[in-house]
Amino acid sequence: MTEAQIELLAKPQWYDGRKRAWSPSDLKEAYELHNKLTGQNKRDSGCGGCRRAVIQTLQHQYQLALKENEGNEGNERNTGASKL
């Protein structure tokens, strides 16, 4: 996962759990990123459960990326090598 994708995933408003209105641009961005990460071709159908599943997938991918980056930073400190 690229740093740009990680930055796109870092949207707390997507994960805060509060019900809110989604702007069309938020939905478009979330589905585009989801499709890039999963290789799927999902489109927004207006289904609340489907939207929630997309956001949960993005949240999970973000958490995995954070853990991976933390592991790489620890390796860099131990070996003095950069993983970027």
N, C-alpha and C. Protein backbone atom coordinates (compact mmCIF):
# COMPACT_ATOMS: atom_id res chain seq x y z
N MET A 1 0.86 -1.17 0.00
CA MET A 1 0.00 0.00 0.00
C MET A 1 0.90 1.23 0.00
N THR A 2 0.55 2.19 -0.84
CA THR A 2 1.37 3.39 -0.94
C THR A 2 1.03 4.37 0.19
N GLU A 3 1.94 5.29 0.44
CA GLU A 3 1.68 6.30 1.46
C GLU A 3 0.49 7.17 1.09
N ALA A 4 0.31 7.42 -0.20
CA ALA A 4 -0.84 8.22 -0.64
C ALA A 4 -2.15 7.50 -0.30
N GLN A 5 -2.19 6.19 -0.50
CA GLN A 5 -3.38 5.43 -0.15
C GLN A 5 -3.62 5.44 1.36
N ILE A 6 -2.53 5.33 2.13
CA ILE A 6 -2.67 5.38 3.58
C ILE A 6 -3.23 6.73 4.01
N GLU A 7 -2.74 7.80 3.38
CA GLU A 7 -3.26 9.14 3.69
C GLU A 7 -4.74 9.24 3.37
N LEU A 8 -5.14 8.67 2.24
CA LEU A 8 -6.56 8.69 1.89
C LEU A 8 -7.40 7.90 2.89
N LEU A 9 -6.82 6.84 3.42
CA LEU A 9 -7.54 6.04 4.41
C LEU A 9 -7.66 6.75 5.74
N ALA A 10 -6.79 7.69 6.01
CA ALA A 10 -6.75 8.36 7.31
C ALA A 10 -7.81 9.46 7.38
N LYS A 11 -9.04 9.07 7.35
CA LYS A 11 -10.15 10.01 7.41
C LYS A 11 -11.01 9.66 8.61
N PRO A 12 -10.76 10.29 9.75
CA PRO A 12 -11.50 9.91 10.96
C PRO A 12 -13.01 10.06 10.82
N GLN A 13 -13.45 10.98 9.99
CA GLN A 13 -14.89 11.15 9.82
C GLN A 13 -15.53 9.92 9.20
N TRP A 14 -14.72 9.08 8.53
CA TRP A 14 -15.26 7.85 7.95
C TRP A 14 -15.45 6.77 9.00
N TYR A 15 -14.73 6.87 10.11
CA TYR A 15 -14.71 5.77 11.07
C TYR A 15 -15.28 6.10 12.43
N ASP A 16 -15.76 7.30 12.64
CA ASP A 16 -16.13 7.71 13.99
C ASP A 16 -17.41 7.05 14.50
N GLY A 17 -18.13 6.36 13.62
CA GLY A 17 -19.31 5.61 14.05
C GLY A 17 -20.57 6.43 14.20
N ARG A 18 -20.47 7.73 14.07
CA ARG A 18 -21.66 8.55 14.18
C ARG A 18 -22.41 8.58 12.85
N LYS A 19 -23.71 8.56 12.96
CA LYS A 19 -24.51 8.66 11.74
C LYS A 19 -24.41 10.10 11.24
N ARG A 20 -24.09 10.23 9.99
CA ARG A 20 -23.99 11.56 9.40
C ARG A 20 -24.32 11.47 7.93
N ALA A 21 -24.54 12.60 7.34
CA ALA A 21 -24.80 12.63 5.91
C ALA A 21 -23.48 12.52 5.17
N TRP A 22 -23.44 11.66 4.18
CA TRP A 22 -22.24 11.48 3.36
C TRP A 22 -22.36 12.36 2.14
N SER A 23 -21.33 13.12 1.89
CA SER A 23 -21.33 13.94 0.69
C SER A 23 -21.07 13.02 -0.51
N PRO A 24 -21.55 13.40 -1.67
CA PRO A 24 -21.27 12.59 -2.86
C PRO A 24 -19.77 12.40 -3.09
N SER A 25 -18.97 13.41 -2.78
CA SER A 25 -17.52 13.28 -2.99
C SER A 25 -16.91 12.28 -2.00
N ASP A 26 -17.40 12.26 -0.74
CA ASP A 26 -16.93 11.26 0.23
C ASP A 26 -17.24 9.85 -0.25
N LEU A 27 -18.46 9.65 -0.71
CA LEU A 27 -18.87 8.32 -1.18
C LEU A 27 -18.05 7.89 -2.39
N LYS A 28 -17.87 8.81 -3.33
CA LYS A 28 -17.10 8.48 -4.53
C LYS A 28 -15.67 8.10 -4.15
N GLU A 29 -15.06 8.89 -3.28
CA GLU A 29 -13.69 8.64 -2.85
C GLU A 29 -13.57 7.31 -2.10
N ALA A 30 -14.52 7.04 -1.22
CA ALA A 30 -14.49 5.79 -0.45
C ALA A 30 -14.62 4.58 -1.36
N TYR A 31 -15.54 4.61 -2.29
CA TYR A 31 -15.73 3.48 -3.19
C TYR A 31 -14.54 3.31 -4.14
N GLU A 32 -13.99 4.41 -4.64
CA GLU A 32 -12.82 4.31 -5.52
C GLU A 32 -11.63 3.69 -4.79
N LEU A 33 -11.40 4.14 -3.57
CA LEU A 33 -10.28 3.61 -2.79
C LEU A 33 -10.53 2.13 -2.45
N HIS A 34 -11.75 1.82 -2.05
CA HIS A 34 -12.10 0.43 -1.75
C HIS A 34 -11.84 -0.46 -2.96
N ASN A 35 -12.27 -0.02 -4.12
CA ASN A 35 -12.09 -0.82 -5.34
C ASN A 35 -10.62 -0.98 -5.70
N LYS A 36 -9.81 0.06 -5.49
CA LYS A 36 -8.38 -0.04 -5.77
C LYS A 36 -7.72 -1.05 -4.84
N LEU A 37 -8.11 -1.01 -3.57
CA LEU A 37 -7.48 -1.89 -2.59
C LEU A 37 -7.92 -3.33 -2.71
N THR A 38 -9.17 -3.55 -3.09
CA THR A 38 -9.71 -4.92 -3.11
C THR A 38 -9.75 -5.53 -4.51
N GLY A 39 -9.61 -4.72 -5.55
CA GLY A 39 -9.72 -5.23 -6.91
C GLY A 39 -11.16 -5.47 -7.34
N GLN A 40 -12.09 -5.02 -6.54
CA GLN A 40 -13.50 -5.17 -6.88
C GLN A 40 -13.98 -3.97 -7.69
N ASN A 41 -15.23 -4.02 -8.12
CA ASN A 41 -15.81 -2.92 -8.88
C ASN A 41 -17.17 -2.56 -8.28
N LYS A 42 -17.19 -2.31 -6.98
CA LYS A 42 -18.44 -1.96 -6.31
C LYS A 42 -18.85 -0.55 -6.67
N ARG A 43 -20.14 -0.37 -6.73
CA ARG A 43 -20.71 0.96 -6.96
C ARG A 43 -21.71 1.25 -5.85
N ASP A 44 -21.83 2.52 -5.50
CA ASP A 44 -22.75 2.92 -4.44
C ASP A 44 -24.19 2.73 -4.92
N SER A 45 -24.94 1.93 -4.18
CA SER A 45 -26.34 1.70 -4.53
C SER A 45 -27.29 2.41 -3.58
N GLY A 46 -26.72 3.11 -2.58
CA GLY A 46 -27.56 3.78 -1.60
C GLY A 46 -27.88 2.91 -0.40
N CYS A 47 -27.43 1.68 -0.41
CA CYS A 47 -27.68 0.73 0.66
C CYS A 47 -26.80 1.07 1.86
N GLY A 48 -27.40 1.34 3.00
CA GLY A 48 -26.65 1.69 4.20
C GLY A 48 -25.70 0.59 4.66
N GLY A 49 -26.16 -0.64 4.61
CA GLY A 49 -25.32 -1.77 5.01
C GLY A 49 -24.14 -1.95 4.08
N CYS A 50 -24.36 -1.72 2.80
CA CYS A 50 -23.27 -1.84 1.82
C CYS A 50 -22.23 -0.75 2.04
N ARG A 51 -22.69 0.46 2.30
CA ARG A 51 -21.77 1.56 2.58
C ARG A 51 -20.97 1.27 3.85
N ARG A 52 -21.65 0.76 4.87
CA ARG A 52 -20.98 0.43 6.12
C ARG A 52 -19.90 -0.63 5.90
N ALA A 53 -20.20 -1.62 5.07
CA ALA A 53 -19.23 -2.68 4.77
C ALA A 53 -18.00 -2.11 4.06
N VAL A 54 -18.21 -1.18 3.15
CA VAL A 54 -17.08 -0.54 2.45
C VAL A 54 -16.22 0.22 3.45
N ILE A 55 -16.85 0.98 4.33
CA ILE A 55 -16.11 1.76 5.31
C ILE A 55 -15.38 0.84 6.29
N GLN A 56 -16.00 -0.24 6.69
CA GLN A 56 -15.33 -1.18 7.59
C GLN A 56 -14.11 -1.81 6.92
N THR A 57 -14.22 -2.10 5.63
CA THR A 57 -13.07 -2.64 4.90
C THR A 57 -11.94 -1.61 4.87
N LEU A 58 -12.27 -0.35 4.60
CA LEU A 58 -11.25 0.70 4.57
C LEU A 58 -10.62 0.88 5.95
N GLN A 59 -11.44 0.84 6.98
CA GLN A 59 -10.92 0.99 8.33
C GLN A 59 -9.96 -0.17 8.66
N HIS A 60 -10.33 -1.37 8.28
CA HIS A 60 -9.49 -2.54 8.52
C HIS A 60 -8.16 -2.40 7.76
N GLN A 61 -8.21 -1.98 6.52
CA GLN A 61 -7.00 -1.79 5.72
C GLN A 61 -6.11 -0.71 6.34
N TYR A 62 -6.73 0.33 6.86
CA TYR A 62 -5.96 1.40 7.50
C TYR A 62 -5.25 0.88 8.74
N GLN A 63 -5.95 0.11 9.56
CA GLN A 63 -5.34 -0.45 10.76
C GLN A 63 -4.18 -1.38 10.40
N LEU A 64 -4.35 -2.19 9.37
CA LEU A 64 -3.27 -3.07 8.91
C LEU A 64 -2.07 -2.27 8.43
N ALA A 65 -2.33 -1.19 7.70
CA ALA A 65 -1.24 -0.36 7.19
C ALA A 65 -0.48 0.30 8.35
N LEU A 66 -1.21 0.74 9.36
CA LEU A 66 -0.55 1.34 10.51
C LEU A 66 0.34 0.33 11.22
N LYS A 67 -0.16 -0.87 11.40
CA LYS A 67 0.63 -1.92 12.06
C LYS A 67 1.86 -2.26 11.23
N GLU A 68 1.69 -2.34 9.92
CA GLU A 68 2.81 -2.65 9.03
C GLU A 68 3.87 -1.56 9.11
N ASN A 69 3.43 -0.30 9.11
CA ASN A 69 4.38 0.81 9.19
C ASN A 69 5.09 0.83 10.53
N GLU A 70 4.37 0.52 11.61
CA GLU A 70 5.01 0.46 12.93
C GLU A 70 6.07 -0.63 12.94
N GLY A 71 5.79 -1.76 12.33
CA GLY A 71 6.76 -2.85 12.26
C GLY A 71 7.97 -2.46 11.46
N ASN A 72 7.77 -1.76 10.35
CA ASN A 72 8.89 -1.32 9.52
C ASN A 72 9.75 -0.30 10.24
N GLU A 73 9.13 0.59 11.01
CA GLU A 73 9.89 1.59 11.76
C GLU A 73 10.75 0.90 12.81
N GLY A 74 10.23 -0.13 13.44
CA GLY A 74 11.01 -0.87 14.42
C GLY A 74 12.18 -1.57 13.78
N ASN A 75 11.98 -2.14 12.60
CA ASN A 75 13.06 -2.80 11.87
C ASN A 75 14.14 -1.81 11.46
N GLU A 76 13.71 -0.61 11.04
CA GLU A 76 14.68 0.41 10.64
C GLU A 76 15.54 0.82 11.82
N ARG A 77 14.93 0.96 12.99
CA ARG A 77 15.69 1.35 14.17
C ARG A 77 16.69 0.26 14.53
N ASN A 78 16.28 -1.00 14.40
CA ASN A 78 17.15 -2.11 14.77
C ASN A 78 18.28 -2.33 13.77
N THR A 79 18.01 -2.11 12.49
CA THR A 79 19.03 -2.39 11.48
C THR A 79 19.68 -1.15 10.91
N GLY A 80 19.04 0.00 11.13
CA GLY A 80 19.56 1.22 10.56
C GLY A 80 19.23 1.38 9.08
N ALA A 81 18.41 0.46 8.54
CA ALA A 81 18.05 0.49 7.12
C ALA A 81 16.68 1.12 6.94
N SER A 82 16.51 1.79 5.85
CA SER A 82 15.22 2.38 5.51
C SER A 82 14.47 1.45 4.59
N LYS A 83 13.16 1.29 4.84
CA LYS A 83 12.31 0.43 4.03
C LYS A 83 11.60 1.20 2.93
N LEU A 84 11.72 2.50 2.90
CA LEU A 84 11.01 3.28 1.89
C LEU A 84 11.73 3.26 0.63
